[in-house]
Amino acid sequence: MKVLNVFLLVLSTHMCMAQKYVGKNGSISFFSETPVENIEAKSTETSSAFDAKTGDLIVQIPIKSFRFEKSLMQEHFNENYMESDKFPKATLKGNIFEAEKIDYKKDASYKVVARGKLTIHGVTKDITVPGTLKVSNGKVSIDAKFNVRCADYDIKIPKLVMVKIAEEIQVTVSSTLSPI
């Protein structure tokens, strides 16, 4: 009987742990399109955690991890617009709506909606993001695409370069998380 109780305790602990997922090398990119110039940057240093039982989700990215085609763009992005030394990271803390209805034991793809608080440049705003959650081989992949308005996050664009930087930036997130 003691062996059975120990086995059940270990099994239940493992099952609880399997409802939590983490990812350390997710990707976030952004794209700004204007008639004058397109600006694109990407980072593969995104960290994320997801609790399948509660739907709680957190995504964090170091601002300085974004890489641009032109080094001067990267320098201006960090120093002039994002003030990366003062605001070193961006975070999304939220919840995937109805995550508890997903079957995490079965490979499938689900349309989901995440609601939460996005913090960029020291400003936090409520956000709703549609996306896709895919279960495959015990891992969870989360993909989303949404727009961010620079003005909403107090990111100042000098009038001199306004024609080169879009007011809304398209953000694409892709992360694969493994069970812990």
Protein backbone atom coordinates (compact mmCIF):
# COMPACT_ATOMS: atom_id res chain seq x y z
CA MET A 1 0.00 0.00 0.00
CA LYS A 2 2.87 2.41 0.81
CA VAL A 3 4.44 1.77 -2.60
CA LEU A 4 1.11 2.53 -4.31
CA ASN A 5 0.73 5.79 -2.33
CA VAL A 6 4.25 6.89 -3.21
CA PHE A 7 3.64 6.04 -6.90
CA LEU A 8 0.36 8.02 -6.92
CA LEU A 9 2.06 10.97 -5.23
CA VAL A 10 4.88 10.98 -7.79
CA LEU A 11 2.42 10.56 -10.67
CA SER A 12 0.17 13.40 -9.47
CA THR A 13 3.19 15.69 -8.97
CA HIS A 14 4.36 14.90 -12.51
CA MET A 15 0.89 15.58 -13.91
CA CYS A 16 0.71 18.95 -12.15
CA MET A 17 4.15 19.88 -13.39
CA ALA A 18 3.28 18.90 -16.96
CA GLN A 19 0.69 21.67 -17.01
CA LYS A 20 3.42 24.29 -16.93
CA TYR A 21 5.54 25.12 -19.96
CA VAL A 22 8.59 27.34 -20.53
CA GLY A 23 10.41 28.62 -23.58
CA LYS A 24 13.75 30.39 -23.69
CA ASN A 25 14.42 31.01 -27.38
CA GLY A 26 11.20 32.37 -28.77
CA SER A 27 11.22 34.89 -31.53
CA ILE A 28 9.70 38.35 -31.73
CA SER A 29 9.99 40.53 -34.79
CA PHE A 30 8.54 43.85 -35.76
CA PHE A 31 7.94 45.53 -39.06
CA SER A 32 7.39 49.20 -39.86
CA GLU A 33 6.26 49.98 -43.40
CA THR A 34 6.28 53.46 -44.90
CA PRO A 35 6.54 54.73 -48.49
CA VAL A 36 10.07 55.94 -47.72
CA GLU A 37 11.59 52.96 -45.89
CA ASN A 38 10.74 49.61 -44.31
CA ILE A 39 12.24 48.81 -40.94
CA GLU A 40 12.44 45.27 -39.61
CA ALA A 41 14.09 43.79 -36.55
CA LYS A 42 14.10 40.40 -34.87
CA SER A 43 15.08 38.88 -31.56
CA THR A 44 15.40 35.23 -30.63
CA GLU A 45 15.94 35.92 -26.93
CA THR A 46 12.31 35.83 -25.87
CA SER A 47 11.51 34.01 -22.63
CA SER A 48 8.01 32.77 -21.94
CA ALA A 49 6.07 30.72 -19.42
CA PHE A 50 2.58 29.30 -19.66
CA ASP A 51 0.35 27.55 -17.13
CA ALA A 52 -2.09 25.35 -19.07
CA LYS A 53 -4.31 24.88 -16.03
CA THR A 54 -4.91 28.59 -15.39
CA GLY A 55 -4.08 30.03 -18.83
CA ASP A 56 -1.58 32.45 -17.27
CA LEU A 57 1.07 33.57 -19.73
CA ILE A 58 4.14 35.77 -19.46
CA VAL A 59 6.45 36.78 -22.29
CA GLN A 60 9.58 38.87 -21.76
CA ILE A 61 12.13 40.26 -24.17
CA PRO A 62 15.32 42.28 -23.69
CA ILE A 63 14.97 45.35 -25.92
CA LYS A 64 18.66 45.36 -26.83
CA SER A 65 18.31 41.85 -28.27
CA PHE A 66 16.58 43.15 -31.43
CA ARG A 67 18.83 42.91 -34.49
CA PHE A 68 18.46 45.18 -37.52
CA GLU A 69 19.81 44.98 -41.04
CA LYS A 70 21.62 48.30 -40.52
CA SER A 71 23.63 48.91 -37.34
CA LEU A 72 22.72 52.61 -37.36
CA MET A 73 19.01 51.69 -37.16
CA GLN A 74 19.76 49.47 -34.17
CA GLU A 75 21.68 52.28 -32.46
CA HIS A 76 18.87 54.82 -33.01
CA PHE A 77 16.25 52.28 -31.89
CA ASN A 78 18.03 51.64 -28.58
CA GLU A 79 19.27 55.15 -27.80
CA ASN A 80 16.69 57.52 -29.28
CA TYR A 81 13.36 55.70 -29.38
CA MET A 82 13.27 52.82 -26.90
CA GLU A 83 15.79 54.23 -24.40
CA SER A 84 16.90 50.65 -23.74
CA ASP A 85 19.19 51.50 -20.82
CA LYS A 86 16.26 53.09 -18.99
CA PHE A 87 13.63 50.53 -20.16
CA PRO A 88 15.60 47.31 -20.76
CA LYS A 89 12.72 44.90 -21.40
CA ALA A 90 9.20 44.56 -22.70
CA THR A 91 6.71 42.17 -21.10
CA LEU A 92 3.30 40.74 -21.72
CA LYS A 93 1.53 39.38 -18.64
CA GLY A 94 -1.83 37.92 -19.37
CA ASN A 95 -4.09 34.99 -19.75
CA ILE A 96 -5.09 32.78 -22.66
CA PHE A 97 -8.87 32.78 -22.60
CA GLU A 98 -10.40 29.30 -22.08
CA ALA A 99 -6.97 27.58 -22.06
CA GLU A 100 -8.40 24.94 -19.74
CA LYS A 101 -10.58 23.65 -22.61
CA ILE A 102 -7.55 22.66 -24.68
CA ASP A 103 -6.50 19.00 -24.75
CA TYR A 104 -2.74 19.19 -24.14
CA LYS A 105 -2.31 15.44 -24.64
CA LYS A 106 -3.53 15.55 -28.24
CA ASP A 107 -1.62 17.11 -31.14
CA ALA A 108 -3.85 19.87 -32.53
CA SER A 109 -4.01 23.55 -33.37
CA TYR A 110 -6.35 26.00 -31.61
CA LYS A 111 -7.34 29.60 -32.27
CA VAL A 112 -6.90 31.47 -28.98
CA VAL A 113 -7.15 34.96 -27.54
CA ALA A 114 -4.73 36.32 -24.96
CA ARG A 115 -5.74 39.25 -22.79
CA GLY A 116 -3.37 41.05 -20.53
CA LYS A 117 -1.02 43.93 -19.93
CA LEU A 118 1.71 44.84 -22.38
CA THR A 119 4.57 46.94 -21.00
CA ILE A 120 6.85 48.72 -23.43
CA HIS A 121 9.03 51.77 -22.78
CA GLY A 122 7.79 51.90 -19.17
CA VAL A 123 4.13 52.20 -20.21
CA THR A 124 1.60 49.46 -19.49
CA LYS A 125 -1.57 49.07 -21.55
CA ASP A 126 -4.35 46.50 -21.71
CA ILE A 127 -4.13 44.41 -24.85
CA THR A 128 -6.10 41.64 -26.54
CA VAL A 129 -4.13 39.48 -28.95
CA PRO A 130 -5.55 36.77 -31.22
CA GLY A 131 -3.23 33.88 -31.93
CA THR A 132 -2.72 30.20 -32.44
CA LEU A 133 -1.75 27.64 -29.81
CA LYS A 134 -0.45 24.39 -31.24
CA VAL A 135 0.13 21.21 -29.25
CA SER A 136 2.70 18.90 -30.84
CA ASN A 137 4.73 16.07 -29.31
CA GLY A 138 4.06 17.32 -25.77
CA LYS A 139 5.21 20.87 -26.54
CA VAL A 140 3.12 24.01 -26.89
CA SER A 141 3.77 26.58 -29.63
CA ILE A 142 2.22 30.03 -29.45
CA ASP A 143 2.08 32.30 -32.48
CA ALA A 144 0.50 35.75 -32.69
CA LYS A 145 0.54 38.87 -34.83
CA PHE A 146 -0.69 42.28 -33.65
CA ASN A 147 -0.07 46.01 -34.03
CA VAL A 148 1.40 48.42 -31.51
CA ARG A 149 1.00 52.19 -31.78
CA CYS A 150 4.20 54.03 -30.84
CA ALA A 151 2.27 56.93 -29.31
CA ASP A 152 0.40 54.54 -26.96
CA TYR A 153 3.71 53.63 -25.33
CA ASP A 154 5.15 57.15 -25.23
CA ILE A 155 7.71 56.35 -27.93
CA LYS A 156 8.59 59.71 -29.43
CA ILE A 157 9.32 59.84 -33.14
CA PRO A 158 11.02 63.11 -34.19
CA LYS A 159 9.19 64.95 -36.99
CA LEU A 160 12.34 64.78 -39.11
CA VAL A 161 12.07 60.95 -39.41
CA MET A 162 8.29 60.51 -39.08
CA VAL A 163 8.00 59.64 -42.77
CA LYS A 164 10.43 56.76 -42.23
CA ILE A 165 8.74 55.15 -39.19
CA ALA A 166 5.14 53.95 -39.18
CA GLU A 167 2.77 55.07 -36.42
CA GLU A 168 1.75 51.43 -35.96
CA ILE A 169 4.33 48.68 -35.80
CA GLN A 170 3.39 45.10 -36.70
CA VAL A 171 4.65 42.65 -34.06
CA THR A 172 4.98 38.90 -34.69
CA VAL A 173 5.55 36.47 -31.83
CA SER A 174 6.49 32.81 -32.14
CA SER A 175 7.52 30.65 -29.21
CA THR A 176 7.76 26.93 -28.52
CA LEU A 177 7.46 25.94 -24.89
CA SER A 178 8.40 22.64 -23.29
CA PRO A 179 6.78 21.06 -20.24
CA ILE A 180 8.58 21.42 -16.92
